[in-house]
Amino acid sequence: MVLGRMVLVALGASGAPWAVPVSSWMKVRPGAAVPALESVELLAARGECEGFQVLVRPPADAVGLSVAPLRGPGNGRLAVAMYREAFVPVRTPSNAQGAPGPWPDPLIPAELDRPEERPADRASTAERPLVFYGEVCVPESAAPGRYQGAVALRARGKAGAAVPVSVTVQPFALPATSSLPNSFGLSLYTVARGHRIPPEQARPLLWAYARELLRHRLTPHGLTMDGGAGGGEELRPFLDGTALPSGARFTTLDARGPLEAWARQFVGRPAAAQRFFYAKDEPRPEDVPLVLRQSAEARAAGVPVLVTSPYDRRLAPAADILAPNLNCFFPRPGPPTCGAVMTVAELRQRLRPGTKVWWYQSCSSHGCGGGPADKPEVERAYSGWASYMVDHPATLNRAMGPLAFLAGIDGELYFDTAYAFGVKPDPWDDVLAFGGNGDGTLFYPGRPDLLGGEARPIASLRLKHIRDGLEDYEMLRLLARSEPELARRCVERLVRSGYEIEPDPAVWDEVRGTVAAALSRRTAGRPGVRSR
């Protein structure tokens, strides 16, 4: 949450400071007038990450920056991570809500920049404004209170600039592991291809990607595609909470290989992660016998079955987890975007007791053809939905967490996080897939030939927004324990359906402030109490 008075600053205007703080909600593009902040004032729970941006107004070159840890109560310190935002070209908009041209998305760790070799990376021009993304992740052990510091910037021919940063840490804590189970695709083979190395050399890199997803409250599926991965040593830290200092764990685990052998690995072990067998994806009518056979085999081995389909009386008995498309839960006037639309409550009434209901995004969130639809009524039908696309607003990128709370959903599935690695010559130049920019691609391959250093995952701005939405979910869930009516009113100010999402970031910040204040009152005088 970013507080503070906003001031409209034109990118090329004279008289304004040359470096200004900007809300993390903004996607700063060339030529835009940007609402700047006078200072960065963040509000964060213990166990939460919050971001902000610093815009270097053009023209400027040889830009450098430094930031010391923020200082707070009892000589406490909070680290600030800084990234430079790179741009990806959008040639075909995802739909009418997008636009062609450069869009910010890859987040390059600031320490990887080598201005002596690539001076353009540290220059701000009208065609490529320079924006830094800052992130403060508050450990659960942090003392509540106000932490302060500044980002110091320098540029050739300019006086030094300092952007004040403060974080007010709340007394309540968010759980390290997502309370909403999720499963986002990640494959050894696409990671290897994106980094242009053989798969046998990519295993350590794969687990770096897995840790990065876990830092953002996400759990991958697929991984090595190895049936032994369920109990393998490589995966064990992600299941026992030692992969990250926070203690975060995977929320799900997909079955691989011979199912009986896979299931035997877990006999006598606690089932902290939701285990499942992923049946044929989006089965067609002719695939029904296959899914029924897969389901019988998995259940015989004691493995729950996930089926991605709208409600279908033939398929529903095969599912222990049924995952329709997001569009299948929200009736909407106009051309249909799902063949069987019903609310979560209506769907549960038709399913076997105990069946879990998940959902997933697809190109139905933006239209699968690429670009605005020819017919206005079709464009309306595919606009406004929660979306993970590069050229869509941050509010749409962030909405799935609050929507999950609103609808009472049990989990989220997403087909891939590095899809473009396997199908595009260079994901840095093109992430268009299934009609959307970034569909299935939430990372960029950090190759040494591009960035120097070691190969690494490069997170996207969208990945930060997805994490922020999951943190919204956690806060609403905590509030609902003591004040369910207030939690309901708050979420309905943000999202009213999968396609009715509040577009004004100021409203989102206001609602988060209301939720945080209520949770802080609940834990007042008990700063050591876990709000779980």
Protein backbone atom coordinates (compact mmCIF):
# COMPACT_ATOMS: atom_id res chain seq x y z
CA MET A 1 0.00 0.00 0.00
CA VAL A 2 1.40 3.39 -1.01
CA LEU A 3 0.21 6.49 0.79
CA GLY A 4 0.96 10.14 0.21
CA ARG A 5 -0.21 13.08 -1.89
CA MET A 6 -0.05 12.59 -5.66
CA VAL A 7 1.28 15.23 -8.05
CA LEU A 8 0.89 14.95 -11.83
CA VAL A 9 4.35 15.12 -13.41
CA ALA A 10 4.91 15.19 -17.17
CA LEU A 11 7.90 13.12 -18.28
CA GLY A 12 9.62 16.01 -20.03
CA ALA A 13 8.46 18.96 -17.92
CA SER A 14 10.96 21.44 -16.57
CA GLY A 15 11.10 22.63 -12.99
CA ALA A 16 10.07 19.34 -11.38
CA PRO A 17 12.53 17.07 -9.52
CA TRP A 18 14.44 14.80 -11.88
CA ALA A 19 13.73 11.69 -9.78
CA VAL A 20 10.25 11.19 -8.31
CA PRO A 21 8.54 8.34 -6.46
CA VAL A 22 5.64 6.61 -8.22
CA SER A 23 3.04 4.17 -6.96
CA SER A 24 3.71 0.49 -7.63
CA TRP A 25 0.34 0.43 -9.41
CA MET A 26 1.63 2.51 -12.33
CA LYS A 27 2.89 0.95 -15.55
CA VAL A 28 5.06 3.85 -16.70
CA ARG A 29 5.13 4.05 -20.49
CA PRO A 30 6.78 6.52 -22.86
CA GLY A 31 4.97 9.82 -23.29
CA ALA A 32 2.58 9.42 -20.37
CA ALA A 33 1.89 11.99 -17.69
CA VAL A 34 2.61 10.16 -14.44
CA PRO A 35 1.00 10.78 -11.02
CA ALA A 36 4.07 11.10 -8.81
CA LEU A 37 4.24 10.98 -5.02
CA GLU A 38 5.99 13.41 -2.72
CA SER A 39 7.48 10.48 -0.81
CA VAL A 40 7.13 6.72 -0.50
CA GLU A 41 5.01 5.77 2.50
CA LEU A 42 4.31 2.06 2.63
CA LEU A 43 2.10 0.10 4.97
CA ALA A 44 2.95 -3.59 5.40
CA ALA A 45 2.12 -6.51 7.62
CA ARG A 46 4.81 -8.67 9.11
CA GLY A 47 5.49 -11.34 6.49
CA GLU A 48 4.38 -9.08 3.63
CA CYS A 49 6.25 -7.52 0.69
CA GLU A 50 5.41 -4.06 -0.62
CA GLY A 51 6.72 -2.27 -3.69
CA PHE A 52 7.21 1.26 -4.99
CA GLN A 53 8.72 2.86 -8.07
CA VAL A 54 11.15 5.69 -8.75
CA LEU A 55 10.87 7.47 -12.08
CA VAL A 56 13.93 9.21 -13.51
CA ARG A 57 12.48 11.97 -15.65
CA PRO A 58 14.12 12.33 -19.05
CA PRO A 59 16.59 13.41 -20.13
CA ALA A 60 19.16 11.85 -17.82
CA ASP A 61 22.10 9.52 -18.29
CA ALA A 62 24.72 7.69 -16.27
CA VAL A 63 22.10 7.22 -13.57
CA GLY A 64 23.20 5.38 -10.44
CA LEU A 65 21.48 4.65 -7.16
CA SER A 66 22.14 3.32 -3.70
CA VAL A 67 19.94 2.52 -0.74
CA ALA A 68 20.75 1.55 2.84
CA PRO A 69 18.46 -0.56 5.01
CA LEU A 70 15.56 1.32 6.53
CA ARG A 71 15.95 1.93 10.25
CA GLY A 72 13.17 1.42 12.74
CA PRO A 73 12.23 0.51 16.32
CA GLY A 74 14.93 -0.99 18.50
CA ASN A 75 17.57 -0.38 15.85
CA GLY A 76 15.64 -2.73 13.57
CA ARG A 77 16.41 -2.74 9.87
CA LEU A 78 14.52 -3.59 6.72
CA ALA A 79 16.37 -4.32 3.48
CA VAL A 80 15.31 -2.62 0.26
CA ALA A 81 15.81 -4.50 -3.02
CA MET A 82 16.02 -2.38 -6.18
CA TYR A 83 15.35 -3.41 -9.79
CA ARG A 84 15.49 -1.62 -13.13
CA GLU A 85 12.35 -2.04 -15.20
CA ALA A 86 13.00 -3.22 -18.74
CA PHE A 87 10.49 -2.92 -21.57
CA VAL A 88 9.01 -5.55 -23.85
CA PRO A 89 7.54 -4.63 -27.25
CA VAL A 90 3.82 -5.13 -27.73
CA ARG A 91 3.06 -5.32 -31.43
CA THR A 92 -0.44 -6.80 -31.20
CA PRO A 93 -2.44 -5.64 -28.16
CA SER A 94 -4.09 -8.32 -26.04
CA ASN A 95 -7.42 -6.56 -26.69
CA ALA A 96 -8.78 -3.01 -26.67
CA GLN A 97 -7.58 -2.56 -23.07
CA GLY A 98 -3.99 -2.94 -24.29
CA ALA A 99 -1.98 -0.85 -26.72
CA PRO A 100 1.00 -1.32 -29.02
CA GLY A 101 4.43 -0.05 -28.03
CA PRO A 102 6.87 -0.67 -25.15
CA TRP A 103 5.47 -1.93 -21.84
CA PRO A 104 7.42 -2.30 -18.58
CA ASP A 105 7.61 -5.86 -17.24
CA PRO A 106 11.03 -7.53 -16.67
CA LEU A 107 12.65 -6.51 -13.37
CA ILE A 108 16.46 -6.50 -13.61
CA PRO A 109 18.21 -6.58 -10.21
CA ALA A 110 19.99 -3.23 -10.00
CA GLU A 111 23.30 -4.85 -9.09
CA LEU A 112 23.37 -6.65 -12.45
CA ASP A 113 23.41 -3.45 -14.49
CA ARG A 114 26.75 -2.67 -16.10
CA PRO A 115 26.46 0.96 -17.27
CA GLU A 116 30.05 0.99 -18.49
CA GLU A 117 29.12 -1.74 -20.99
CA ARG A 118 25.49 -0.81 -21.66
CA PRO A 119 25.09 2.91 -20.90
CA ALA A 120 21.63 2.98 -22.49
CA ASP A 121 20.34 0.85 -19.60
CA ARG A 122 21.02 3.71 -17.19
CA ALA A 123 19.75 6.54 -19.38
CA SER A 124 16.24 8.00 -19.29
CA THR A 125 14.84 9.21 -22.58
CA ALA A 126 11.43 10.15 -23.90
CA GLU A 127 11.40 6.85 -25.82
CA ARG A 128 12.58 4.78 -22.84
CA PRO A 129 11.96 6.42 -19.44
CA LEU A 130 14.08 4.92 -16.70
CA VAL A 131 12.07 3.46 -13.82
CA PHE A 132 13.34 1.58 -10.77
CA TYR A 133 11.16 -0.82 -8.80
CA GLY A 134 11.85 -0.99 -5.07
CA GLU A 135 10.70 -3.77 -2.79
CA VAL A 136 10.62 -4.15 0.98
CA CYS A 137 9.88 -7.63 2.33
CA VAL A 138 9.11 -7.48 6.04
CA PRO A 139 10.18 -10.58 8.00
CA GLU A 140 7.67 -11.92 10.48
CA SER A 141 10.17 -11.21 13.26
CA ALA A 142 10.22 -7.46 12.53
CA ALA A 143 9.03 -5.17 15.31
CA PRO A 144 5.93 -3.13 14.45
CA GLY A 145 6.50 0.57 13.92
CA ARG A 146 7.87 3.06 11.42
CA TYR A 147 11.05 2.35 9.43
CA GLN A 148 12.67 5.15 7.44
CA GLY A 149 15.41 5.72 4.87
CA ALA A 150 15.91 6.98 1.33
CA VAL A 151 16.93 5.93 -2.16
CA ALA A 152 19.89 8.10 -3.25
CA LEU A 153 20.27 8.79 -6.97
CA ARG A 154 22.93 10.46 -9.07
CA ALA A 155 23.15 11.35 -12.77
CA ARG A 156 25.63 13.09 -15.02
CA GLY A 157 25.37 16.87 -14.72
CA LYS A 158 22.65 16.80 -12.05
CA ALA A 159 22.63 17.43 -8.33
CA GLY A 160 22.10 14.32 -6.24
CA ALA A 161 18.52 13.36 -5.47
CA ALA A 162 17.03 11.46 -2.56
CA VAL A 163 13.61 9.80 -2.49
CA PRO A 164 12.38 9.34 1.11
CA VAL A 165 11.02 5.88 1.89
CA SER A 166 9.15 4.80 5.00
CA VAL A 167 7.38 1.59 5.94
CA THR A 168 4.91 1.36 8.79
CA VAL A 169 5.02 -2.26 9.91
CA GLN A 170 1.72 -3.51 11.33
CA PRO A 171 1.38 -5.67 14.45
CA PHE A 172 -0.33 -8.53 12.62
CA ALA A 173 1.43 -11.13 10.45
CA LEU A 174 0.55 -12.88 7.22
CA PRO A 175 1.33 -16.61 6.95
CA ALA A 176 4.47 -17.43 4.98
CA THR A 177 2.68 -20.17 3.02
CA SER A 178 -0.30 -19.17 0.91
CA SER A 179 -3.62 -20.04 2.50
CA LEU A 180 -5.03 -20.38 -1.02
CA PRO A 181 -3.62 -23.51 -2.70
CA ASN A 182 -2.31 -22.83 -6.19
CA SER A 183 -0.43 -24.63 -8.94
CA PHE A 184 1.41 -22.71 -11.69
CA GLY A 185 3.23 -24.58 -14.46
CA LEU A 186 7.04 -24.69 -14.69
CA SER A 187 9.10 -27.13 -16.75
CA LEU A 188 12.78 -28.04 -16.73
CA TYR A 189 12.70 -28.21 -20.50
CA THR A 190 11.32 -24.73 -21.10
CA VAL A 191 13.75 -23.27 -18.56
CA ALA A 192 16.61 -24.99 -20.40
CA ARG A 193 15.44 -23.75 -23.77
CA GLY A 194 14.96 -20.18 -22.55
CA HIS A 195 18.52 -20.18 -21.18
CA ARG A 196 19.89 -22.00 -24.23
CA ILE A 197 21.47 -24.82 -22.23
CA PRO A 198 20.94 -28.60 -22.22
CA PRO A 199 18.23 -29.87 -19.83
CA GLU A 200 20.77 -31.88 -17.84
CA GLN A 201 22.54 -28.62 -16.97
CA ALA A 202 19.35 -26.76 -16.04
CA ARG A 203 18.27 -28.57 -12.87
CA PRO A 204 19.86 -26.12 -10.39
CA LEU A 205 18.35 -23.27 -12.40
CA LEU A 206 14.91 -24.92 -12.31
CA TRP A 207 14.96 -24.89 -8.52
CA ALA A 208 15.99 -21.22 -8.55
CA TYR A 209 12.81 -20.56 -10.54
CA ALA A 210 10.82 -22.64 -8.05
CA ARG A 211 12.20 -20.60 -5.13
CA GLU A 212 11.30 -17.39 -6.94
CA LEU A 213 7.72 -18.59 -7.39
CA LEU A 214 7.57 -19.55 -3.72
CA ARG A 215 8.77 -16.05 -2.77
CA HIS A 216 5.67 -14.82 -4.57
CA ARG A 217 3.34 -17.26 -2.75
CA LEU A 218 3.08 -19.57 -5.75
CA THR A 219 3.67 -23.31 -6.15
CA PRO A 220 4.84 -24.81 -9.47
CA HIS A 221 3.72 -28.01 -11.12
CA GLY A 222 5.51 -30.01 -13.80
CA LEU A 223 9.11 -29.27 -12.77
CA THR A 224 11.39 -32.13 -13.87
CA MET A 225 8.45 -34.30 -15.03
CA ASP A 226 10.19 -37.01 -12.99
CA GLY A 227 7.93 -39.48 -11.21
CA GLY A 228 10.38 -39.63 -8.31
CA ALA A 229 10.23 -35.90 -7.69
CA GLY A 230 7.52 -36.31 -5.05
CA GLY A 231 9.95 -37.59 -2.45
CA GLY A 232 13.20 -36.49 -4.08
CA GLU A 233 15.83 -34.55 -2.18
CA GLU A 234 15.60 -31.63 -4.60
CA LEU A 235 11.95 -31.11 -3.74
CA ARG A 236 12.12 -31.84 -0.04
CA PRO A 237 13.10 -28.30 1.11
CA PHE A 238 10.00 -26.94 -0.63
CA LEU A 239 7.79 -29.33 1.31
CA ASP A 240 9.40 -29.02 4.73
CA GLY A 241 9.79 -25.22 4.74
CA THR A 242 13.57 -24.94 4.48
CA ALA A 243 13.78 -23.63 0.89
CA LEU A 244 13.36 -20.01 2.05
CA PRO A 245 14.17 -18.21 5.30
CA SER A 246 10.46 -17.41 5.71
CA GLY A 247 9.59 -21.10 6.05
CA ALA A 248 7.16 -20.96 3.11
CA ARG A 249 6.08 -24.34 1.70
CA PHE A 250 4.54 -25.60 -1.49
CA THR A 251 0.75 -25.72 -1.26
CA THR A 252 0.27 -28.40 -3.93
CA LEU A 253 2.08 -31.35 -5.48
CA ASP A 254 1.19 -32.97 -8.79
CA ALA A 255 1.63 -36.70 -9.30
CA ARG A 256 4.12 -38.01 -11.88
CA GLY A 257 5.16 -41.40 -13.16
CA PRO A 258 3.58 -44.70 -12.05
CA LEU A 259 0.94 -43.48 -9.61
CA GLU A 260 1.14 -46.33 -7.09
CA ALA A 261 4.90 -45.87 -6.72
CA TRP A 262 4.46 -42.11 -6.47
CA ALA A 263 1.80 -42.41 -3.78
CA ARG A 264 3.90 -44.86 -1.71
CA GLN A 265 6.45 -42.10 -1.12
CA PHE A 266 3.94 -40.35 1.14
CA VAL A 267 2.71 -43.23 3.27
CA GLY A 268 2.99 -42.13 6.90
CA ARG A 269 4.01 -38.57 5.95
CA PRO A 270 1.82 -35.55 6.74
CA ALA A 271 -0.10 -34.23 3.73
CA ALA A 272 0.77 -30.54 4.07
CA ALA A 273 0.53 -29.99 0.30
CA GLN A 274 -2.61 -30.80 -1.69
CA ARG A 275 -1.65 -33.76 -3.88
CA PHE A 276 -3.36 -34.36 -7.18
CA PHE A 277 -3.16 -36.06 -10.55
CA TYR A 278 -3.70 -33.61 -13.43
CA ALA A 279 -6.04 -35.37 -15.88
CA LYS A 280 -6.13 -34.45 -19.56
CA ASP A 281 -6.30 -30.68 -19.83
CA GLU A 282 -9.60 -29.15 -21.07
CA PRO A 283 -10.98 -32.50 -22.28
CA ARG A 284 -13.18 -32.53 -25.36
CA PRO A 285 -16.28 -34.79 -25.54
CA GLU A 286 -14.26 -37.54 -27.19
CA ASP A 287 -11.78 -37.42 -24.26
CA VAL A 288 -14.37 -38.31 -21.62
CA PRO A 289 -13.54 -42.07 -21.61
CA LEU A 290 -9.84 -41.26 -21.22
CA VAL A 291 -10.48 -38.94 -18.24
CA LEU A 292 -12.74 -41.50 -16.57
CA ARG A 293 -10.05 -44.16 -16.98
CA GLN A 294 -7.33 -41.80 -15.68
CA SER A 295 -9.49 -40.96 -12.69
CA ALA A 296 -10.13 -44.60 -11.80
CA GLU A 297 -6.41 -45.40 -11.97
CA ALA A 298 -5.42 -42.39 -9.86
CA ARG A 299 -8.02 -43.04 -7.19
CA ALA A 300 -7.01 -46.70 -7.03
CA ALA A 301 -3.53 -45.42 -6.13
CA GLY A 302 -4.98 -43.05 -3.54
CA VAL A 303 -4.28 -39.87 -5.55
CA PRO A 304 -6.99 -37.17 -5.92
CA VAL A 305 -7.83 -36.13 -9.47
CA LEU A 306 -7.94 -32.60 -10.92
CA VAL A 307 -10.11 -32.02 -14.00
CA THR A 308 -10.10 -28.72 -15.92
CA SER A 309 -13.60 -28.41 -17.31
CA PRO A 310 -16.86 -26.53 -16.88
CA TYR A 311 -19.51 -28.57 -15.13
CA ASP A 312 -20.27 -31.67 -17.19
CA ARG A 313 -22.39 -34.40 -15.62
CA ARG A 314 -20.25 -37.05 -17.37
CA LEU A 315 -16.92 -35.64 -16.12
CA ALA A 316 -17.89 -34.33 -12.70
CA PRO A 317 -17.80 -37.78 -11.02
CA ALA A 318 -14.17 -38.14 -12.16
CA ALA A 319 -13.02 -35.03 -10.29
CA ASP A 320 -11.86 -34.60 -6.72
CA ILE A 321 -10.85 -31.09 -7.77
CA LEU A 322 -12.93 -29.50 -10.54
CA ALA A 323 -11.37 -26.42 -12.14
CA PRO A 324 -13.56 -24.52 -14.59
CA ASN A 325 -12.36 -21.39 -16.34
CA LEU A 326 -12.75 -18.09 -14.45
CA ASN A 327 -15.41 -17.01 -16.97
CA CYS A 328 -17.58 -19.99 -16.00
CA PHE A 329 -18.40 -18.49 -12.59
CA PHE A 330 -19.82 -15.09 -13.54
CA PRO A 331 -22.91 -14.66 -15.77
CA ARG A 332 -22.47 -11.80 -18.24
CA PRO A 333 -24.71 -10.32 -20.94
CA GLY A 334 -23.58 -10.75 -24.51
CA PRO A 335 -21.86 -13.57 -26.38
CA PRO A 336 -21.08 -16.50 -24.04
CA THR A 337 -17.45 -17.11 -23.06
CA CYS A 338 -18.19 -20.38 -21.19
CA GLY A 339 -20.62 -23.14 -22.04
CA ALA A 340 -21.83 -23.79 -18.47
CA VAL A 341 -21.91 -20.67 -16.29
CA MET A 342 -22.84 -21.03 -12.61
CA THR A 343 -21.75 -19.60 -9.27
CA VAL A 344 -19.48 -21.48 -6.90
CA ALA A 345 -22.47 -22.24 -4.65
CA GLU A 346 -24.50 -23.61 -7.58
CA LEU A 347 -21.56 -25.71 -8.73
CA ARG A 348 -20.99 -27.20 -5.28
CA GLN A 349 -24.62 -28.31 -5.14
CA ARG A 350 -24.05 -30.44 -8.25
CA LEU A 351 -20.75 -31.99 -7.18
CA ARG A 352 -20.06 -34.90 -4.85
CA PRO A 353 -19.63 -33.73 -1.23
CA GLY A 354 -16.00 -32.93 -0.54
CA THR A 355 -15.14 -32.06 -4.16
CA LYS A 356 -12.93 -28.97 -4.23
CA VAL A 357 -13.58 -26.13 -6.66
CA TRP A 358 -10.61 -24.39 -8.27
CA TRP A 359 -10.48 -22.05 -11.24
CA TYR A 360 -8.00 -20.89 -13.84
CA GLN A 361 -7.39 -18.07 -16.28
CA SER A 362 -7.15 -18.63 -20.04
CA CYS A 363 -7.32 -16.54 -23.17
CA SER A 364 -11.00 -16.07 -22.33
CA SER A 365 -9.77 -13.26 -20.08
CA HIS A 366 -8.70 -11.20 -23.11
CA GLY A 367 -9.94 -12.97 -26.26
CA CYS A 368 -7.95 -15.64 -28.01
CA GLY A 369 -7.50 -13.97 -31.40
CA GLY A 370 -5.10 -11.16 -30.50
CA GLY A 371 -6.02 -7.51 -30.81
CA PRO A 372 -9.47 -5.95 -30.44
CA ALA A 373 -12.36 -8.03 -31.75
CA ASP A 374 -14.10 -6.91 -34.92
CA LYS A 375 -17.52 -6.87 -33.26
CA PRO A 376 -18.02 -4.49 -30.29
CA GLU A 377 -20.23 -6.99 -28.46
CA VAL A 378 -17.49 -9.64 -28.67
CA GLU A 379 -14.85 -7.16 -27.48
CA ARG A 380 -17.04 -6.30 -24.47
CA ALA A 381 -17.50 -9.99 -23.65
CA TYR A 382 -13.72 -10.51 -23.40
CA SER A 383 -12.83 -7.20 -21.70
CA GLY A 384 -12.56 -6.30 -18.05
CA TRP A 385 -11.71 -9.78 -16.77
CA ALA A 386 -8.95 -10.40 -14.26
CA SER A 387 -5.88 -10.84 -16.43
CA TYR A 388 -2.17 -11.60 -16.21
CA MET A 389 -1.34 -9.78 -19.47
CA VAL A 390 1.59 -7.36 -19.83
CA ASP A 391 -0.50 -4.65 -21.49
CA HIS A 392 -3.35 -4.70 -18.97
CA PRO A 393 -3.65 -2.54 -15.85
CA ALA A 394 -2.13 -3.63 -12.55
CA THR A 395 -5.61 -3.81 -11.01
CA LEU A 396 -6.50 -6.64 -13.42
CA ASN A 397 -3.15 -8.38 -12.77
CA ARG A 398 -3.85 -8.22 -9.03
CA ALA A 399 -7.54 -9.12 -8.91
CA MET A 400 -7.44 -12.93 -8.65
CA GLY A 401 -6.66 -12.94 -4.92
CA PRO A 402 -9.60 -10.74 -3.90
CA LEU A 403 -11.83 -12.58 -6.40
CA ALA A 404 -10.94 -15.90 -4.75
CA PHE A 405 -12.06 -14.48 -1.41
CA LEU A 406 -15.24 -13.02 -2.92
CA ALA A 407 -16.25 -16.26 -4.64
CA GLY A 408 -15.09 -18.69 -1.94
CA ILE A 409 -12.88 -20.60 -4.34
CA ASP A 410 -10.62 -23.41 -3.05
CA GLY A 411 -7.56 -22.95 -5.29
CA GLU A 412 -6.08 -21.58 -8.51
CA LEU A 413 -4.44 -23.29 -11.47
CA TYR A 414 -2.35 -21.59 -14.17
CA PHE A 415 -0.91 -23.49 -17.09
CA ASP A 416 2.63 -22.09 -17.26
CA THR A 417 5.03 -19.41 -16.07
CA ALA A 418 7.71 -19.75 -18.79
CA TYR A 419 5.67 -20.71 -21.85
CA ALA A 420 7.41 -18.30 -24.24
CA PHE A 421 10.78 -19.86 -23.34
CA GLY A 422 9.78 -22.94 -25.29
CA VAL A 423 7.99 -21.41 -28.28
CA LYS A 424 9.62 -18.03 -28.96
CA PRO A 425 13.09 -17.28 -30.35
CA ASP A 426 13.56 -14.64 -27.63
CA PRO A 427 11.04 -13.99 -24.82
CA TRP A 428 12.66 -10.58 -24.26
CA ASP A 429 11.30 -9.56 -27.65
CA ASP A 430 7.99 -11.42 -27.85
CA VAL A 431 5.67 -12.94 -25.23
CA LEU A 432 2.49 -13.01 -27.33
CA ALA A 433 0.65 -16.32 -26.98
CA PHE A 434 -2.99 -17.35 -27.34
CA GLY A 435 -3.89 -13.79 -28.27
CA GLY A 436 -2.40 -12.25 -25.11
CA ASN A 437 0.93 -10.62 -24.27
CA GLY A 438 2.46 -12.70 -21.51
CA ASP A 439 -0.14 -15.46 -21.45
CA GLY A 440 1.68 -18.29 -19.64
CA THR A 441 4.91 -16.29 -19.23
CA LEU A 442 5.63 -14.57 -15.90
CA PHE A 443 9.44 -14.78 -16.13
CA TYR A 444 12.24 -13.76 -18.48
CA PRO A 445 15.43 -15.82 -18.89
CA GLY A 446 18.29 -14.02 -17.14
CA ARG A 447 21.12 -15.22 -19.37
CA PRO A 448 24.75 -14.26 -18.65
CA ASP A 449 25.17 -12.99 -22.24
CA LEU A 450 22.44 -10.43 -21.52
CA LEU A 451 23.02 -9.52 -17.89
CA GLY A 452 26.38 -10.91 -16.86
CA GLY A 453 26.84 -12.95 -13.71
CA GLU A 454 25.12 -16.33 -13.35
CA ALA A 455 22.00 -17.53 -15.11
CA ARG A 456 18.92 -16.63 -13.08
CA PRO A 457 15.16 -16.12 -13.28
CA ILE A 458 14.05 -12.55 -13.96
CA ALA A 459 10.69 -11.86 -12.36
CA SER A 460 8.06 -9.70 -14.01
CA LEU A 461 6.15 -6.71 -12.73
CA ARG A 462 3.04 -8.89 -13.13
CA LEU A 463 4.45 -11.48 -10.74
CA LYS A 464 4.65 -8.75 -8.09
CA HIS A 465 1.02 -7.80 -8.72
CA ILE A 466 -0.09 -11.45 -8.47
CA ARG A 467 1.71 -11.74 -5.13
CA ASP A 468 0.10 -8.50 -3.93
CA GLY A 469 -3.32 -9.97 -4.78
CA LEU A 470 -2.54 -13.09 -2.76
CA GLU A 471 -1.51 -10.87 0.15
CA ASP A 472 -4.86 -9.06 -0.22
CA TYR A 473 -6.51 -12.48 0.06
CA GLU A 474 -4.62 -13.23 3.28
CA MET A 475 -5.62 -9.91 4.86
CA LEU A 476 -9.29 -10.35 3.93
CA ARG A 477 -9.23 -13.91 5.25
CA LEU A 478 -7.80 -12.75 8.58
CA LEU A 479 -10.37 -9.98 8.86
CA ALA A 480 -13.24 -12.36 8.09
CA ARG A 481 -12.47 -14.34 11.25
CA SER A 482 -13.51 -11.49 13.51
CA GLU A 483 -15.43 -9.08 11.25
CA PRO A 484 -16.89 -11.04 8.33
CA GLU A 485 -19.33 -8.32 7.32
CA LEU A 486 -16.56 -5.71 7.12
CA ALA A 487 -14.44 -8.13 5.08
CA ARG A 488 -17.34 -8.65 2.67
CA ARG A 489 -17.92 -4.91 2.26
CA CYS A 490 -14.22 -4.32 1.68
CA VAL A 491 -13.79 -6.97 -1.01
CA GLU A 492 -16.92 -5.82 -2.82
CA ARG A 493 -15.39 -2.36 -3.17
CA LEU A 494 -12.50 -3.98 -5.06
CA VAL A 495 -14.16 -6.72 -7.11
CA ARG A 496 -17.82 -7.36 -7.80
CA SER A 497 -17.37 -10.11 -10.37
CA GLY A 498 -14.59 -11.55 -12.53
CA TYR A 499 -15.09 -8.71 -15.00
CA GLU A 500 -16.19 -5.88 -12.65
CA ILE A 501 -12.92 -4.82 -11.06
CA GLU A 502 -12.30 -1.43 -9.48
CA PRO A 503 -9.92 0.41 -11.83
CA ASP A 504 -8.81 3.17 -9.42
CA PRO A 505 -5.69 2.19 -7.42
CA ALA A 506 -6.57 4.84 -4.83
CA VAL A 507 -9.67 2.84 -3.89
CA TRP A 508 -7.56 -0.31 -3.50
CA ASP A 509 -5.15 1.57 -1.23
CA GLU A 510 -8.04 2.98 0.81
CA VAL A 511 -9.60 -0.46 1.27
CA ARG A 512 -6.29 -2.01 2.28
CA GLY A 513 -5.89 0.79 4.82
CA THR A 514 -9.31 -0.03 6.27
CA VAL A 515 -8.50 -3.74 6.49
CA ALA A 516 -5.07 -3.09 8.03
CA ALA A 517 -6.53 -0.71 10.62
CA ALA A 518 -9.13 -3.30 11.66
CA LEU A 519 -6.52 -6.06 11.93
CA SER A 520 -4.18 -3.79 13.88
CA ARG A 521 -6.94 -2.99 16.38
CA ARG A 522 -7.49 -6.71 16.80
CA THR A 523 -3.83 -7.30 17.67
CA ALA A 524 -3.24 -4.03 19.58
CA GLY A 525 -1.07 -4.62 22.60
CA ARG A 526 -0.18 -8.13 21.40
CA PRO A 527 2.60 -7.53 18.83
CA GLY A 528 3.95 -11.05 19.23
CA VAL A 529 0.65 -12.77 18.49
CA ARG A 530 0.39 -14.55 15.16
CA SER A 531 -2.70 -13.53 13.20
CA ARG A 532 -3.16 -16.87 11.51
